[in-house]
Amino acid sequence: MIIEDYFRIHGDYELKDGLYNVDGHVELIEFVDKLPFKFGNVSGGFECSYNYLTSLEGCPKSVGGDFLCSRNKLTSLEGAPKQVGGDFLCDDNLRNTKEYRQHKIMEKEYRQYLIMKKLRQ
C-alpha cells in the first residue's frame, strides 16, 4: 500500500515520525471510511469531500489552504486540523448528532429573528 494509491498529491512530501508532511495540495481519490495514512502539515489545501469517511482521524494537524470534507458520514469533527489558512467546509455531515440538531434550531431561530426585525421597520 502506497500513498499514491489513495491520494493525488500536487507537490512534494516526506514521511517523518509516521506523519506525511506535504508541501502542496492533497486530494483523496479512493473511497474509504477511514484515512489510510496520517498527515502532519499540508502547506496547500486538503480535500477529502464526497467520500465515506466516518472520522477525521489522520487528517493534517495544519492546512495552509482550504480544508474540504463535505459530504461524508462524519459523526464528529474530532481529528480535524487545528489550523486552517483558508476555508473549512464540512457541509452535509453530522446529521445524526446533537450538535447538528442544535445548529439547525439556531439557524431557524435566527431566520425568524430577521423576519421579525424586518416587519418592525
PDB file of N, CA and C in Angstrom:
ATOM      1  N   MET A   1       0.852  -1.172   0.000  1.00  0.00           N
ATOM      2  CA  MET A   1       0.000   0.000   0.000  1.00  0.00           C
ATOM      3  C   MET A   1       0.904   1.244   0.000  1.00  0.00           C
ATOM      4  N   ILE A   2       0.704   2.081  -0.999  1.00  0.00           N
ATOM      5  CA  ILE A   2       1.472   3.329  -1.065  1.00  0.00           C
ATOM      6  C   ILE A   2       0.517   4.513  -1.113  1.00  0.00           C
ATOM      7  N   ILE A   3       1.007   5.654  -0.688  1.00  0.00           N
ATOM      8  CA  ILE A   3       0.160   6.843  -0.544  1.00  0.00           C
ATOM      9  C   ILE A   3      -0.476   7.268  -1.868  1.00  0.00           C
ATOM     10  N   GLU A   4       0.237   7.082  -2.982  1.00  0.00           N
ATOM     11  CA  GLU A   4      -0.294   7.483  -4.292  1.00  0.00           C
ATOM     12  C   GLU A   4      -1.492   6.648  -4.730  1.00  0.00           C
ATOM     13  N   ASP A   5      -1.704   5.492  -4.100  1.00  0.00           N
ATOM     14  CA  ASP A   5      -2.881   4.671  -4.403  1.00  0.00           C
ATOM     15  C   ASP A   5      -4.158   5.319  -3.872  1.00  0.00           C
ATOM     16  N   TYR A   6      -4.032   6.185  -2.880  1.00  0.00           N
ATOM     17  CA  TYR A   6      -5.187   6.783  -2.221  1.00  0.00           C
ATOM     18  C   TYR A   6      -5.300   8.296  -2.388  1.00  0.00           C
ATOM     19  N   PHE A   7      -4.179   8.949  -2.643  1.00  0.00           N
ATOM     20  CA  PHE A   7      -4.166  10.415  -2.690  1.00  0.00           C
ATOM     21  C   PHE A   7      -3.474  10.919  -3.952  1.00  0.00           C
ATOM     22  N   ARG A   8      -4.006  12.005  -4.485  1.00  0.00           N
ATOM     23  CA  ARG A   8      -3.318  12.753  -5.538  1.00  0.00           C
ATOM     24  C   ARG A   8      -2.613  13.894  -4.814  1.00  0.00           C
ATOM     25  N   ILE A   9      -1.306  13.916  -4.923  1.00  0.00           N
ATOM     26  CA  ILE A   9      -0.525  14.936  -4.231  1.00  0.00           C
ATOM     27  C   ILE A   9       0.114  15.848  -5.264  1.00  0.00           C
ATOM     28  N   HIS A  10      -0.245  17.129  -5.192  1.00  0.00           N
ATOM     29  CA  HIS A  10       0.310  18.145  -6.081  1.00  0.00           C
ATOM     30  C   HIS A  10       1.403  18.864  -5.302  1.00  0.00           C
ATOM     31  N   GLY A  11       2.607  18.380  -5.390  1.00  0.00           N
ATOM     32  CA  GLY A  11       3.720  18.955  -4.649  1.00  0.00           C
ATOM     33  C   GLY A  11       4.631  17.851  -4.136  1.00  0.00           C
ATOM     34  N   ASP A  12       5.454  18.187  -3.179  1.00  0.00           N
ATOM     35  CA  ASP A  12       6.411  17.244  -2.601  1.00  0.00           C
ATOM     36  C   ASP A  12       5.956  16.823  -1.204  1.00  0.00           C
ATOM     37  N   TYR A  13       6.360  15.640  -0.796  1.00  0.00           N
ATOM     38  CA  TYR A  13       6.017  15.177   0.540  1.00  0.00           C
ATOM     39  C   TYR A  13       7.171  14.387   1.148  1.00  0.00           C
ATOM     40  N   GLU A  14       7.121  14.301   2.478  1.00  0.00           N
ATOM     41  CA  GLU A  14       8.092  13.492   3.201  1.00  0.00           C
ATOM     42  C   GLU A  14       7.384  12.804   4.362  1.00  0.00           C
ATOM     43  N   LEU A  15       7.861  11.633   4.702  1.00  0.00           N
ATOM     44  CA  LEU A  15       7.339  10.880   5.839  1.00  0.00           C
ATOM     45  C   LEU A  15       8.285  11.108   7.007  1.00  0.00           C
ATOM     46  N   LYS A  16       7.747  11.662   8.096  1.00  0.00           N
ATOM     47  CA  LYS A  16       8.567  11.951   9.264  1.00  0.00           C
ATOM     48  C   LYS A  16       7.781  11.588  10.523  1.00  0.00           C
ATOM     49  N   ASP A  17       8.321  10.740  11.328  1.00  0.00           N
ATOM     50  CA  ASP A  17       7.688  10.293  12.576  1.00  0.00           C
ATOM     51  C   ASP A  17       6.284   9.733  12.343  1.00  0.00           C
ATOM     52  N   GLY A  18       6.094   9.020  11.248  1.00  0.00           N
ATOM     53  CA  GLY A  18       4.809   8.391  10.958  1.00  0.00           C
ATOM     54  C   GLY A  18       3.768   9.311  10.348  1.00  0.00           C
ATOM     55  N   LEU A  19       4.132  10.589  10.089  1.00  0.00           N
ATOM     56  CA  LEU A  19       3.205  11.559   9.511  1.00  0.00           C
ATOM     57  C   LEU A  19       3.729  12.049   8.164  1.00  0.00           C
ATOM     58  N   TYR A  20       2.823  12.205   7.218  1.00  0.00           N
ATOM     59  CA  TYR A  20       3.198  12.766   5.925  1.00  0.00           C
ATOM     60  C   TYR A  20       3.054  14.289   5.977  1.00  0.00           C
ATOM     61  N   ASN A  21       4.145  14.976   5.717  1.00  0.00           N
ATOM     62  CA  ASN A  21       4.141  16.430   5.586  1.00  0.00           C
ATOM     63  C   ASN A  21       4.202  16.742   4.100  1.00  0.00           C
ATOM     64  N   VAL A  22       3.308  17.609   3.642  1.00  0.00           N
ATOM     65  CA  VAL A  22       3.190  17.870   2.219  1.00  0.00           C
ATOM     66  C   VAL A  22       3.387  19.349   1.940  1.00  0.00           C
ATOM     67  N   ASP A  23       4.276  19.633   1.004  1.00  0.00           N
ATOM     68  CA  ASP A  23       4.459  20.991   0.511  1.00  0.00           C
ATOM     69  C   ASP A  23       3.656  21.071  -0.784  1.00  0.00           C
ATOM     70  N   GLY A  24       2.360  21.339  -0.645  1.00  0.00           N
ATOM     71  CA  GLY A  24       1.456  21.343  -1.780  1.00  0.00           C
ATOM     72  C   GLY A  24       0.040  20.989  -1.358  1.00  0.00           C
ATOM     73  N   HIS A  25      -0.720  20.485  -2.312  1.00  0.00           N
ATOM     74  CA  HIS A  25      -2.146  20.187  -2.152  1.00  0.00           C
ATOM     75  C   HIS A  25      -2.352  18.671  -2.126  1.00  0.00           C
ATOM     76  N   VAL A  26      -3.317  18.212  -1.306  1.00  0.00           N
ATOM     77  CA  VAL A  26      -3.619  16.785  -1.184  1.00  0.00           C
ATOM     78  C   VAL A  26      -5.092  16.557  -1.501  1.00  0.00           C
ATOM     79  N   GLU A  27      -5.357  15.520  -2.304  1.00  0.00           N
ATOM     80  CA  GLU A  27      -6.735  15.187  -2.675  1.00  0.00           C
ATOM     81  C   GLU A  27      -6.942  13.682  -2.523  1.00  0.00           C
ATOM     82  N   LEU A  28      -7.917  13.291  -1.716  1.00  0.00           N
ATOM     83  CA  LEU A  28      -8.270  11.883  -1.542  1.00  0.00           C
ATOM     84  C   LEU A  28      -8.984  11.406  -2.804  1.00  0.00           C
ATOM     85  N   ILE A  29      -8.495  10.311  -3.411  1.00  0.00           N
ATOM     86  CA  ILE A  29      -9.062   9.848  -4.682  1.00  0.00           C
ATOM     87  C   ILE A  29      -9.710   8.468  -4.598  1.00  0.00           C
ATOM     88  N   GLU A  30      -9.621   7.809  -3.456  1.00  0.00           N
ATOM     89  CA  GLU A  30     -10.242   6.499  -3.274  1.00  0.00           C
ATOM     90  C   GLU A  30     -11.360   6.604  -2.247  1.00  0.00           C
ATOM     91  N   PHE A  31     -12.386   5.775  -2.378  1.00  0.00           N
ATOM     92  CA  PHE A  31     -13.477   5.759  -1.421  1.00  0.00           C
ATOM     93  C   PHE A  31     -13.079   4.920  -0.212  1.00  0.00           C
ATOM     94  N   VAL A  32     -13.064   5.563   0.947  1.00  0.00           N
ATOM     95  CA  VAL A  32     -12.671   4.902   2.190  1.00  0.00           C
ATOM     96  C   VAL A  32     -13.532   5.422   3.334  1.00  0.00           C
ATOM     97  N   ASP A  33     -13.621   4.638   4.410  1.00  0.00           N
ATOM     98  CA  ASP A  33     -14.342   5.129   5.594  1.00  0.00           C
ATOM     99  C   ASP A  33     -13.378   5.691   6.630  1.00  0.00           C
ATOM    100  N   LYS A  34     -12.081   5.475   6.409  1.00  0.00           N
ATOM    101  CA  LYS A  34     -11.053   5.956   7.316  1.00  0.00           C
ATOM    102  C   LYS A  34      -9.798   6.254   6.489  1.00  0.00           C
ATOM    103  N   LEU A  35      -9.107   7.346   6.803  1.00  0.00           N
ATOM    104  CA  LEU A  35      -7.887   7.674   6.069  1.00  0.00           C
ATOM    105  C   LEU A  35      -6.818   6.616   6.335  1.00  0.00           C
ATOM    106  N   PRO A  36      -6.207   6.065   5.290  1.00  0.00           N
ATOM    107  CA  PRO A  36      -5.218   5.003   5.469  1.00  0.00           C
ATOM    108  C   PRO A  36      -3.828   5.509   5.860  1.00  0.00           C
ATOM    109  N   PHE A  37      -3.610   6.812   5.809  1.00  0.00           N
ATOM    110  CA  PHE A  37      -2.333   7.413   6.179  1.00  0.00           C
ATOM    111  C   PHE A  37      -2.597   8.616   7.082  1.00  0.00           C
ATOM    112  N   LYS A  38      -1.595   8.996   7.855  1.00  0.00           N
ATOM    113  CA  LYS A  38      -1.731  10.148   8.751  1.00  0.00           C
ATOM    114  C   LYS A  38      -0.880  11.299   8.242  1.00  0.00           C
ATOM    115  N   PHE A  39      -1.423  12.500   8.380  1.00  0.00           N
ATOM    116  CA  PHE A  39      -0.757  13.699   7.886  1.00  0.00           C
ATOM    117  C   PHE A  39      -0.375  14.616   9.041  1.00  0.00           C
ATOM    118  N   GLY A  40       0.740  15.323   8.837  1.00  0.00           N
ATOM    119  CA  GLY A  40       1.196  16.325   9.800  1.00  0.00           C
ATOM    120  C   GLY A  40       0.777  17.704   9.330  1.00  0.00           C
ATOM    121  N   ASN A  41       1.584  18.313   8.480  1.00  0.00           N
ATOM    122  CA  ASN A  41       1.307  19.644   7.946  1.00  0.00           C
ATOM    123  C   ASN A  41       1.170  19.571   6.425  1.00  0.00           C
ATOM    124  N   VAL A  42       0.180  20.283   5.917  1.00  0.00           N
ATOM    125  CA  VAL A  42      -0.028  20.401   4.477  1.00  0.00           C
ATOM    126  C   VAL A  42      -0.019  21.890   4.160  1.00  0.00           C
ATOM    127  N   SER A  43       0.903  22.329   3.311  1.00  0.00           N
ATOM    128  CA  SER A  43       1.031  23.764   3.047  1.00  0.00           C
ATOM    129  C   SER A  43      -0.091  24.308   2.170  1.00  0.00           C
ATOM    130  N   GLY A  44      -0.659  23.470   1.326  1.00  0.00           N
ATOM    131  CA  GLY A  44      -1.760  23.884   0.455  1.00  0.00           C
ATOM    132  C   GLY A  44      -3.085  23.432   1.022  1.00  0.00           C
ATOM    133  N   GLY A  45      -3.982  23.001   0.145  1.00  0.00           N
ATOM    134  CA  GLY A  45      -5.297  22.534   0.574  1.00  0.00           C
ATOM    135  C   GLY A  45      -5.326  21.037   0.801  1.00  0.00           C
ATOM    136  N   PHE A  46      -6.352  20.599   1.532  1.00  0.00           N
ATOM    137  CA  PHE A  46      -6.574  19.171   1.784  1.00  0.00           C
ATOM    138  C   PHE A  46      -8.029  18.888   1.478  1.00  0.00           C
ATOM    139  N   GLU A  47      -8.262  17.998   0.510  1.00  0.00           N
ATOM    140  CA  GLU A  47      -9.629  17.714   0.075  1.00  0.00           C
ATOM    141  C   GLU A  47      -9.956  16.238   0.254  1.00  0.00           C
ATOM    142  N   CYS A  48     -11.015  15.986   1.037  1.00  0.00           N
ATOM    143  CA  CYS A  48     -11.482  14.607   1.246  1.00  0.00           C
ATOM    144  C   CYS A  48     -13.010  14.546   1.168  1.00  0.00           C
ATOM    145  N   SER A  49     -13.607  15.432   0.392  1.00  0.00           N
ATOM    146  CA  SER A  49     -15.065  15.510   0.249  1.00  0.00           C
ATOM    147  C   SER A  49     -15.608  14.364  -0.602  1.00  0.00           C
ATOM    148  N   TYR A  50     -16.938  14.201  -0.543  1.00  0.00           N
ATOM    149  CA  TYR A  50     -17.650  13.211  -1.363  1.00  0.00           C
ATOM    150  C   TYR A  50     -17.061  11.813  -1.178  1.00  0.00           C
ATOM    151  N   ASN A  51     -17.035  11.376   0.073  1.00  0.00           N
ATOM    152  CA  ASN A  51     -16.448  10.090   0.378  1.00  0.00           C
ATOM    153  C   ASN A  51     -17.280   9.405   1.448  1.00  0.00           C
ATOM    154  N   TYR A  52     -16.724   8.405   2.116  1.00  0.00           N
ATOM    155  CA  TYR A  52     -17.439   7.647   3.138  1.00  0.00           C
ATOM    156  C   TYR A  52     -16.811   7.799   4.513  1.00  0.00           C
ATOM    157  N   LEU A  53     -16.013   8.833   4.719  1.00  0.00           N
ATOM    158  CA  LEU A  53     -15.306   8.995   5.987  1.00  0.00           C
ATOM    159  C   LEU A  53     -16.276   9.104   7.158  1.00  0.00           C
ATOM    160  N   THR A  54     -16.011   8.322   8.192  1.00  0.00           N
ATOM    161  CA  THR A  54     -16.794   8.397   9.424  1.00  0.00           C
ATOM    162  C   THR A  54     -16.008   9.108  10.514  1.00  0.00           C
ATOM    163  N   SER A  55     -14.737   9.397  10.238  1.00  0.00           N
ATOM    164  CA  SER A  55     -13.860  10.036  11.202  1.00  0.00           C
ATOM    165  C   SER A  55     -12.830  10.892  10.454  1.00  0.00           C
ATOM    166  N   LEU A  56     -12.340  11.917  11.121  1.00  0.00           N
ATOM    167  CA  LEU A  56     -11.276  12.745  10.543  1.00  0.00           C
ATOM    168  C   LEU A  56      -9.909  12.364  11.113  1.00  0.00           C
ATOM    169  N   GLU A  57      -9.830  11.223  11.770  1.00  0.00           N
ATOM    170  CA  GLU A  57      -8.564  10.733  12.293  1.00  0.00           C
ATOM    171  C   GLU A  57      -7.567  10.560  11.147  1.00  0.00           C
ATOM    172  N   GLY A  58      -6.381  11.123  11.318  1.00  0.00           N
ATOM    173  CA  GLY A  58      -5.355  11.052  10.285  1.00  0.00           C
ATOM    174  C   GLY A  58      -5.261  12.302   9.435  1.00  0.00           C
ATOM    175  N   CYS A  59      -6.235  13.203   9.578  1.00  0.00           N
ATOM    176  CA  CYS A  59      -6.190  14.460   8.826  1.00  0.00           C
ATOM    177  C   CYS A  59      -5.008  15.299   9.287  1.00  0.00           C
ATOM    178  N   PRO A  60      -4.582  16.246   8.462  1.00  0.00           N
ATOM    179  CA  PRO A  60      -3.438  17.080   8.851  1.00  0.00           C
ATOM    180  C   PRO A  60      -3.689  17.853  10.135  1.00  0.00           C
ATOM    181  N   LYS A  61      -2.608  18.132  10.848  1.00  0.00           N
ATOM    182  CA  LYS A  61      -2.687  18.973  12.043  1.00  0.00           C
ATOM    183  C   LYS A  61      -2.892  20.424  11.641  1.00  0.00           C
ATOM    184  N   SER A  62      -2.297  20.812  10.513  1.00  0.00           N
ATOM    185  CA  SER A  62      -2.490  22.168   9.991  1.00  0.00           C
ATOM    186  C   SER A  62      -2.553  22.111   8.467  1.00  0.00           C
ATOM    187  N   VAL A  63      -3.376  23.005   7.909  1.00  0.00           N
ATOM    188  CA  VAL A  63      -3.567  23.103   6.464  1.00  0.00           C
ATOM    189  C   VAL A  63      -3.396  24.573   6.093  1.00  0.00           C
ATOM    190  N   GLY A  64      -2.527  24.852   5.136  1.00  0.00           N
ATOM    191  CA  GLY A  64      -2.279  26.236   4.735  1.00  0.00           C
ATOM    192  C   GLY A  64      -3.374  26.812   3.861  1.00  0.00           C
ATOM    193  N   GLY A  65      -4.073  25.975   3.117  1.00  0.00           N
ATOM    194  CA  GLY A  65      -5.150  26.413   2.244  1.00  0.00           C
ATOM    195  C   GLY A  65      -6.498  25.995   2.787  1.00  0.00           C
ATOM    196  N   ASP A  66      -7.380  25.551   1.897  1.00  0.00           N
ATOM    197  CA  ASP A  66      -8.723  25.119   2.289  1.00  0.00           C
ATOM    198  C   ASP A  66      -8.712  23.682   2.803  1.00  0.00           C
ATOM    199  N   PHE A  67      -9.591  23.423   3.773  1.00  0.00           N
ATOM    200  CA  PHE A  67      -9.831  22.060   4.246  1.00  0.00           C
ATOM    201  C   PHE A  67     -11.256  21.711   3.853  1.00  0.00           C
ATOM    202  N   LEU A  68     -11.414  20.729   2.967  1.00  0.00           N
ATOM    203  CA  LEU A  68     -12.722  20.384   2.414  1.00  0.00           C
ATOM    204  C   LEU A  68     -13.069  18.943   2.770  1.00  0.00           C
ATOM    205  N   CYS A  69     -14.109  18.784   3.597  1.00  0.00           N
ATOM    206  CA  CYS A  69     -14.521  17.431   3.993  1.00  0.00           C
ATOM    207  C   CYS A  69     -16.038  17.259   3.881  1.00  0.00           C
ATOM    208  N   SER A  70     -16.661  18.006   3.002  1.00  0.00           N
ATOM    209  CA  SER A  70     -18.114  17.938   2.833  1.00  0.00           C
ATOM    210  C   SER A  70     -18.556  16.581   2.305  1.00  0.00           C
ATOM    211  N   ARG A  71     -19.810  16.266   2.609  1.00  0.00           N
ATOM    212  CA  ARG A  71     -20.486  15.075   2.088  1.00  0.00           C
ATOM    213  C   ARG A  71     -19.750  13.774   2.392  1.00  0.00           C
ATOM    214  N   ASN A  72     -19.536  13.570   3.670  1.00  0.00           N
ATOM    215  CA  ASN A  72     -19.022  12.306   4.178  1.00  0.00           C
ATOM    216  C   ASN A  72     -20.050  11.763   5.160  1.00  0.00           C
ATOM    217  N   LYS A  73     -19.651  10.869   6.012  1.00  0.00           N
ATOM    218  CA  LYS A  73     -20.543  10.279   7.012  1.00  0.00           C
ATOM    219  C   LYS A  73     -20.002  10.538   8.417  1.00  0.00           C
ATOM    220  N   LEU A  74     -19.471  11.738   8.608  1.00  0.00           N
ATOM    221  CA  LEU A  74     -18.848  12.093   9.876  1.00  0.00           C
ATOM    222  C   LEU A  74     -19.875  12.202  10.993  1.00  0.00           C
ATOM    223  N   THR A  75     -19.468  11.774  12.178  1.00  0.00           N
ATOM    224  CA  THR A  75     -20.303  11.923  13.364  1.00  0.00           C
ATOM    225  C   THR A  75     -19.658  12.864  14.369  1.00  0.00           C
ATOM    226  N   SER A  76     -18.449  13.339  14.051  1.00  0.00           N
ATOM    227  CA  SER A  76     -17.711  14.228  14.934  1.00  0.00           C
ATOM    228  C   SER A  76     -16.655  14.961  14.112  1.00  0.00           C
ATOM    229  N   LEU A  77     -16.219  16.104  14.617  1.00  0.00           N
ATOM    230  CA  LEU A  77     -15.118  16.823  13.971  1.00  0.00           C
ATOM    231  C   LEU A  77     -13.794  16.545  14.679  1.00  0.00           C
ATOM    232  N   GLU A  78     -13.794  15.586  15.570  1.00  0.00           N
ATOM    233  CA  GLU A  78     -12.560  15.205  16.248  1.00  0.00           C
ATOM    234  C   GLU A  78     -11.547  14.725  15.210  1.00  0.00           C
ATOM    235  N   GLY A  79     -10.325  15.219  15.314  1.00  0.00           N
ATOM    236  CA  GLY A  79      -9.283  14.879  14.348  1.00  0.00           C
ATOM    237  C   GLY A  79      -9.121  15.921  13.262  1.00  0.00           C
ATOM    238  N   ALA A  80     -10.013  16.917  13.245  1.00  0.00           N
ATOM    239  CA  ALA A  80      -9.921  17.989  12.239  1.00  0.00           C
ATOM    240  C   ALA A  80      -8.674  18.830  12.497  1.00  0.00           C
ATOM    241  N   PRO A  81      -8.163  19.509  11.482  1.00  0.00           N
ATOM    242  CA  PRO A  81      -6.978  20.353  11.666  1.00  0.00           C
ATOM    243  C   PRO A  81      -7.198  21.416  12.731  1.00  0.00           C
ATOM    244  N   LYS A  82      -6.147  21.710  13.461  1.00  0.00           N
ATOM    245  CA  LYS A  82      -6.200  22.765  14.479  1.00  0.00           C
ATOM    246  C   LYS A  82      -6.045  24.131  13.837  1.00  0.00           C
ATOM    247  N   GLN A  83      -5.377  24.188  12.681  1.00  0.00           N
ATOM    248  CA  GLN A  83      -5.187  25.442  11.962  1.00  0.00           C
ATOM    249  C   GLN A  83      -5.531  25.232  10.497  1.00  0.00           C
ATOM    250  N   VAL A  84      -6.323  26.166   9.957  1.00  0.00           N
ATOM    251  CA  VAL A  84      -6.680  26.138   8.538  1.00  0.00           C
ATOM    252  C   VAL A  84      -6.517  27.561   8.013  1.00  0.00           C
ATOM    253  N   GLY A  85      -5.678  27.720   6.981  1.00  0.00           N
ATOM    254  CA  GLY A  85      -5.410  29.050   6.437  1.00  0.00           C
ATOM    255  C   GLY A  85      -6.495  29.561   5.516  1.00  0.00           C
ATOM    256  N   GLY A  86      -7.302  28.666   4.944  1.00  0.00           N
ATOM    257  CA  GLY A  86      -8.377  29.057   4.032  1.00  0.00           C
ATOM    258  C   GLY A  86      -9.734  28.727   4.618  1.00  0.00           C
ATOM    259  N   ASP A  87     -10.622  28.234   3.790  1.00  0.00           N
ATOM    260  CA  ASP A  87     -11.966  27.861   4.219  1.00  0.00           C
ATOM    261  C   ASP A  87     -11.969  26.465   4.845  1.00  0.00           C
ATOM    262  N   PHE A  88     -12.892  26.271   5.789  1.00  0.00           N
ATOM    263  CA  PHE A  88     -13.144  24.966   6.390  1.00  0.00           C
ATOM    264  C   PHE A  88     -14.564  24.604   5.988  1.00  0.00           C
ATOM    265  N   LEU A  89     -14.706  23.712   5.015  1.00  0.00           N
ATOM    266  CA  LEU A  89     -16.034  23.343   4.520  1.00  0.00           C
ATOM    267  C   LEU A  89     -16.337  21.904   4.913  1.00  0.00           C
ATOM    268  N   CYS A  90     -17.440  21.747   5.644  1.00  0.00           N
ATOM    269  CA  CYS A  90     -17.812  20.434   6.177  1.00  0.00           C
ATOM    270  C   CYS A  90     -19.321  20.228   6.060  1.00  0.00           C
ATOM    271  N   ASP A  91     -19.902  20.649   4.955  1.00  0.00           N
ATOM    272  CA  ASP A  91     -21.346  20.555   4.753  1.00  0.00           C
ATOM    273  C   ASP A  91     -21.804  19.099   4.640  1.00  0.00           C
ATOM    274  N   ASP A  92     -23.067  18.889   4.973  1.00  0.00           N
ATOM    275  CA  ASP A  92     -23.718  17.582   4.840  1.00  0.00           C
ATOM    276  C   ASP A  92     -23.015  16.470   5.612  1.00  0.00           C
ATOM    277  N   ASN A  93     -22.690  16.764   6.841  1.00  0.00           N
ATOM    278  CA  ASN A  93     -22.134  15.799   7.784  1.00  0.00           C
ATOM    279  C   ASN A  93     -22.856  15.989   9.109  1.00  0.00           C
ATOM    280  N   LEU A  94     -22.578  15.140  10.049  1.00  0.00           N
ATOM    281  CA  LEU A  94     -23.038  15.292  11.434  1.00  0.00           C
ATOM    282  C   LEU A  94     -24.559  15.330  11.575  1.00  0.00           C
ATOM    283  N   ARG A  95     -25.290  14.828  10.619  1.00  0.00           N
ATOM    284  CA  ARG A  95     -26.749  14.930  10.636  1.00  0.00           C
ATOM    285  C   ARG A  95     -27.405  14.232  11.822  1.00  0.00           C
ATOM    286  N   ASN A  96     -26.819  13.193  12.307  1.00  0.00           N
ATOM    287  CA  ASN A  96     -27.433  12.437  13.396  1.00  0.00           C
ATOM    288  C   ASN A  96     -26.842  12.783  14.761  1.00  0.00           C
ATOM    289  N   THR A  97     -26.297  13.981  14.877  1.00  0.00           N
ATOM    290  CA  THR A  97     -25.684  14.367  16.144  1.00  0.00           C
ATOM    291  C   THR A  97     -26.473  15.478  16.822  1.00  0.00           C
ATOM    292  N   LYS A  98     -26.289  15.584  18.110  1.00  0.00           N
ATOM    293  CA  LYS A  98     -26.931  16.630  18.893  1.00  0.00           C
ATOM    294  C   LYS A  98     -26.485  18.009  18.412  1.00  0.00           C
ATOM    295  N   GLU A  99     -25.199  18.148  18.076  1.00  0.00           N
ATOM    296  CA  GLU A  99     -24.661  19.424  17.615  1.00  0.00           C
ATOM    297  C   GLU A  99     -25.350  19.884  16.328  1.00  0.00           C
ATOM    298  N   TYR A 100     -25.590  18.953  15.415  1.00  0.00           N
ATOM    299  CA  TYR A 100     -26.243  19.298  14.150  1.00  0.00           C
ATOM    300  C   TYR A 100     -27.674  19.779  14.413  1.00  0.00           C
ATOM    301  N   ARG A 101     -28.396  19.069  15.263  1.00  0.00           N
ATOM    302  CA  ARG A 101     -29.771  19.469  15.558  1.00  0.00           C
ATOM    303  C   ARG A 101     -29.810  20.845  16.228  1.00  0.00           C
ATOM    304  N   GLN A 102     -28.877  21.123  17.144  1.00  0.00           N
ATOM    305  CA  GLN A 102     -28.822  22.432  17.794  1.00  0.00           C
ATOM    306  C   GLN A 102     -28.511  23.527  16.771  1.00  0.00           C
ATOM    307  N   HIS A 103     -27.604  23.246  15.846  1.00  0.00           N
ATOM    308  CA  HIS A 103     -27.263  24.219  14.803  1.00  0.00           C
ATOM    309  C   HIS A 103     -28.497  24.541  13.964  1.00  0.00           C
ATOM    310  N   LYS A 104     -29.264  23.537  13.594  1.00  0.00           N
ATOM    311  CA  LYS A 104     -30.460  23.757  12.777  1.00  0.00           C
ATOM    312  C   LYS A 104     -31.508  24.575  13.539  1.00  0.00           C
ATOM    313  N   ILE A 105     -31.656  24.317  14.826  1.00  0.00           N
ATOM    314  CA  ILE A 105     -32.607  25.095  15.634  1.00  0.00           C
ATOM    315  C   ILE A 105     -32.175  26.557  15.692  1.00  0.00           C
ATOM    316  N   MET A 106     -30.873  26.785  15.935  1.00  0.00           N
ATOM    317  CA  MET A 106     -30.360  28.160  15.998  1.00  0.00           C
ATOM    318  C   MET A 106     -30.502  28.858  14.646  1.00  0.00           C
ATOM    319  N   GLU A 107     -30.268  28.133  13.565  1.00  0.00           N
ATOM    320  CA  GLU A 107     -30.402  28.697  12.225  1.00  0.00           C
ATOM    321  C   GLU A 107     -31.853  29.133  11.971  1.00  0.00           C
ATOM    322  N   LYS A 108     -32.807  28.310  12.371  1.00  0.00           N
ATOM    323  CA  LYS A 108     -34.222  28.619  12.201  1.00  0.00           C
ATOM    324  C   LYS A 108     -34.616  29.825  13.059  1.00  0.00           C
ATOM    325  N   GLU A 109     -34.148  29.858  14.301  1.00  0.00           N
ATOM    326  CA  GLU A 109     -34.459  30.991  15.181  1.00  0.00           C
ATOM    327  C   GLU A 109     -33.877  32.294  14.633  1.00  0.00           C
ATOM    328  N   TYR A 110     -32.695  32.241  14.059  1.00  0.00           N
ATOM    329  CA  TYR A 110     -32.072  33.437  13.506  1.00  0.00           C
ATOM    330  C   TYR A 110     -32.867  33.938  12.294  1.00  0.00           C
ATOM    331  N   ARG A 111     -33.318  33.041  11.453  1.00  0.00           N
ATOM    332  CA  ARG A 111     -34.149  33.442  10.301  1.00  0.00           C
ATOM    333  C   ARG A 111     -35.441  34.108  10.787  1.00  0.00           C
ATOM    334  N   GLN A 112     -36.057  33.548  11.834  1.00  0.00           N
ATOM    335  CA  GLN A 112     -37.272  34.139  12.387  1.00  0.00           C
ATOM    336  C   GLN A 112     -36.979  35.521  12.965  1.00  0.00           C
ATOM    337  N   TYR A 113     -35.850  35.673  13.624  1.00  0.00           N
ATOM    338  CA  TYR A 113     -35.440  36.973  14.159  1.00  0.00           C
ATOM    339  C   TYR A 113     -35.317  38.001  13.036  1.00  0.00           C
ATOM    340  N   LEU A 114     -34.685  37.627  11.928  1.00  0.00           N
ATOM    341  CA  LEU A 114     -34.514  38.558  10.803  1.00  0.00           C
ATOM    342  C   LEU A 114     -35.865  38.960  10.200  1.00  0.00           C
ATOM    343  N   ILE A 115     -36.776  38.010  10.120  1.00  0.00           N
ATOM    344  CA  ILE A 115     -38.113  38.316   9.588  1.00  0.00           C
ATOM    345  C   ILE A 115     -38.833  39.303  10.511  1.00  0.00           C
ATOM    346  N   MET A 116     -38.779  39.043  11.814  1.00  0.00           N
ATOM    347  CA  MET A 116     -39.446  39.929  12.763  1.00  0.00           C
ATOM    348  C   MET A 116     -38.809  41.323  12.757  1.00  0.00           C
ATOM    349  N   LYS A 117     -37.508  41.377  12.633  1.00  0.00           N
ATOM    350  CA  LYS A 117     -36.815  42.665  12.595  1.00  0.00           C
ATOM    351  C   LYS A 117     -37.248  43.470  11.373  1.00  0.00           C
ATOM    352  N   LYS A 118     -37.389  42.791  10.269  1.00  0.00           N
ATOM    353  CA  LYS A 118     -37.801  43.478   9.046  1.00  0.00           C
ATOM    354  C   LYS A 118     -39.245  43.957   9.151  1.00  0.00           C
ATOM    355  N   LEU A 119     -40.112  43.147   9.778  1.00  0.00           N
ATOM    356  CA  LEU A 119     -41.516  43.532   9.943  1.00  0.00           C
ATOM    357  C   LEU A 119     -41.672  44.746  10.872  1.00  0.00           C
ATOM    358  N   ARG A 120     -40.786  44.894  11.839  1.00  0.00           N
ATOM    359  CA  ARG A 120     -40.864  46.010  12.782  1.00  0.00           C
ATOM    360  C   ARG A 120     -40.447  47.319  12.147  1.00  0.00           C
ATOM    361  N   GLN A 121     -39.733  47.305  11.084  1.00  0.00           N
ATOM    362  CA  GLN A 121     -39.233  48.533  10.469  1.00  0.00           C
ATOM    363  C   GLN A 121     -40.318  49.279   9.730  1.00  0.00           C
TER     364      GLN A 121
END
